Amino acid sequence: MMEEKEERIGIFSSWNWLYVTVIVYTTVLIVLLYLLTAIFDHSIQ
């Protein structure tokens, strides 16, 4: 059997933590940009 070696990726403990972090930050960024667009786009009103 092949043992899975747990390797660190920079500050992340594994690749899964890196993927989760990227997905969470991307989602937060999209929501933030949407809110800023809705707040500052005066042509909607």
N, C-alpha and C. Protein backbone atom coordinates (compact mmCIF):
# COMPACT_ATOMS: atom_id res chain seq x y z
N MET A 1 0.83 -1.20 0.00
CA MET A 1 0.00 0.00 0.00
C MET A 1 0.87 1.25 0.00
N MET A 2 0.30 2.28 -0.55
CA MET A 2 1.04 3.54 -0.64
C MET A 2 0.62 4.45 0.51
N GLU A 3 1.58 4.89 1.28
CA GLU A 3 1.28 5.81 2.37
C GLU A 3 1.16 7.22 1.84
N GLU A 4 0.15 7.93 2.34
CA GLU A 4 0.01 9.34 1.96
C GLU A 4 0.87 10.17 2.87
N LYS A 5 1.81 10.88 2.27
CA LYS A 5 2.68 11.74 3.06
C LYS A 5 2.01 13.10 3.22
N GLU A 6 1.89 13.52 4.45
CA GLU A 6 1.30 14.84 4.74
C GLU A 6 2.37 15.90 4.54
N GLU A 7 2.22 16.72 3.54
CA GLU A 7 3.22 17.75 3.29
C GLU A 7 2.62 19.13 3.50
N ARG A 8 3.44 20.04 3.97
CA ARG A 8 2.99 21.42 4.18
C ARG A 8 3.16 22.21 2.90
N ILE A 9 2.18 23.05 2.60
CA ILE A 9 2.22 23.93 1.44
C ILE A 9 2.28 25.35 1.98
N GLY A 10 3.46 25.88 2.16
CA GLY A 10 3.62 27.21 2.74
C GLY A 10 3.06 27.25 4.15
N ILE A 11 2.10 28.16 4.38
CA ILE A 11 1.51 28.27 5.72
C ILE A 11 0.37 27.28 5.92
N PHE A 12 -0.02 26.57 4.86
CA PHE A 12 -1.14 25.64 4.94
C PHE A 12 -0.65 24.25 5.31
N SER A 13 -1.44 23.51 6.09
CA SER A 13 -1.02 22.19 6.54
C SER A 13 -1.20 21.12 5.47
N SER A 14 -2.07 21.38 4.48
CA SER A 14 -2.27 20.41 3.40
C SER A 14 -2.90 21.11 2.20
N TRP A 15 -3.00 20.37 1.09
CA TRP A 15 -3.62 20.94 -0.11
C TRP A 15 -5.09 21.24 0.13
N ASN A 16 -5.78 20.41 0.93
CA ASN A 16 -7.20 20.65 1.18
C ASN A 16 -7.43 22.01 1.85
N TRP A 17 -6.59 22.37 2.82
CA TRP A 17 -6.72 23.67 3.47
C TRP A 17 -6.49 24.80 2.47
N LEU A 18 -5.56 24.61 1.56
CA LEU A 18 -5.30 25.62 0.53
C LEU A 18 -6.52 25.80 -0.36
N TYR A 19 -7.12 24.69 -0.81
CA TYR A 19 -8.31 24.76 -1.67
C TYR A 19 -9.47 25.44 -0.95
N VAL A 20 -9.71 25.06 0.29
CA VAL A 20 -10.81 25.65 1.07
C VAL A 20 -10.59 27.15 1.24
N THR A 21 -9.37 27.55 1.54
CA THR A 21 -9.06 28.96 1.74
C THR A 21 -9.29 29.75 0.46
N VAL A 22 -8.87 29.22 -0.67
CA VAL A 22 -9.07 29.91 -1.96
C VAL A 22 -10.56 30.06 -2.25
N ILE A 23 -11.34 29.02 -2.03
CA ILE A 23 -12.78 29.09 -2.30
C ILE A 23 -13.46 30.10 -1.38
N VAL A 24 -13.11 30.09 -0.10
CA VAL A 24 -13.73 31.03 0.85
C VAL A 24 -13.38 32.47 0.50
N TYR A 25 -12.09 32.75 0.26
CA TYR A 25 -11.69 34.13 -0.05
C TYR A 25 -12.28 34.60 -1.38
N THR A 26 -12.39 33.72 -2.36
CA THR A 26 -13.00 34.09 -3.63
C THR A 26 -14.47 34.43 -3.45
N THR A 27 -15.18 33.63 -2.66
CA THR A 27 -16.60 33.90 -2.40
C THR A 27 -16.78 35.23 -1.67
N VAL A 28 -15.96 35.48 -0.66
CA VAL A 28 -16.04 36.74 0.08
C VAL A 28 -15.74 37.92 -0.84
N LEU A 29 -14.76 37.79 -1.72
CA LEU A 29 -14.42 38.86 -2.64
C LEU A 29 -15.56 39.15 -3.61
N ILE A 30 -16.20 38.12 -4.13
CA ILE A 30 -17.32 38.31 -5.04
C ILE A 30 -18.47 39.03 -4.34
N VAL A 31 -18.80 38.61 -3.13
CA VAL A 31 -19.88 39.25 -2.37
C VAL A 31 -19.53 40.71 -2.07
N LEU A 32 -18.28 40.96 -1.66
CA LEU A 32 -17.86 42.33 -1.37
C LEU A 32 -17.94 43.22 -2.60
N LEU A 33 -17.48 42.72 -3.74
CA LEU A 33 -17.55 43.51 -4.97
C LEU A 33 -19.00 43.76 -5.38
N TYR A 34 -19.87 42.78 -5.20
CA TYR A 34 -21.28 42.97 -5.51
C TYR A 34 -21.89 44.07 -4.63
N LEU A 35 -21.58 44.01 -3.33
CA LEU A 35 -22.12 45.02 -2.42
C LEU A 35 -21.61 46.42 -2.76
N LEU A 36 -20.32 46.53 -3.04
CA LEU A 36 -19.77 47.83 -3.41
C LEU A 36 -20.39 48.35 -4.71
N THR A 37 -20.62 47.45 -5.65
CA THR A 37 -21.25 47.86 -6.91
C THR A 37 -22.68 48.33 -6.66
N ALA A 38 -23.41 47.62 -5.83
CA ALA A 38 -24.80 48.00 -5.54
C ALA A 38 -24.86 49.32 -4.77
N ILE A 39 -23.90 49.55 -3.89
CA ILE A 39 -23.90 50.79 -3.09
C ILE A 39 -23.51 52.00 -3.93
N PHE A 40 -22.48 51.86 -4.76
CA PHE A 40 -21.94 53.03 -5.45
C PHE A 40 -22.43 53.22 -6.88
N ASP A 41 -23.27 52.31 -7.39
CA ASP A 41 -23.78 52.46 -8.75
C ASP A 41 -25.09 53.24 -8.68
N HIS A 42 -24.98 54.55 -8.91
CA HIS A 42 -26.15 55.41 -8.78
C HIS A 42 -27.06 55.34 -10.00
N SER A 43 -26.65 54.70 -11.07
CA SER A 43 -27.49 54.60 -12.24
C SER A 43 -28.61 53.57 -12.06
N ILE A 44 -28.51 52.73 -11.05
CA ILE A 44 -29.56 51.74 -10.79
C ILE A 44 -30.83 52.45 -10.33
N GLN A 45 -30.69 53.49 -9.55
CA GLN A 45 -31.85 54.17 -8.95
C GLN A 45 -32.56 54.96 -9.95
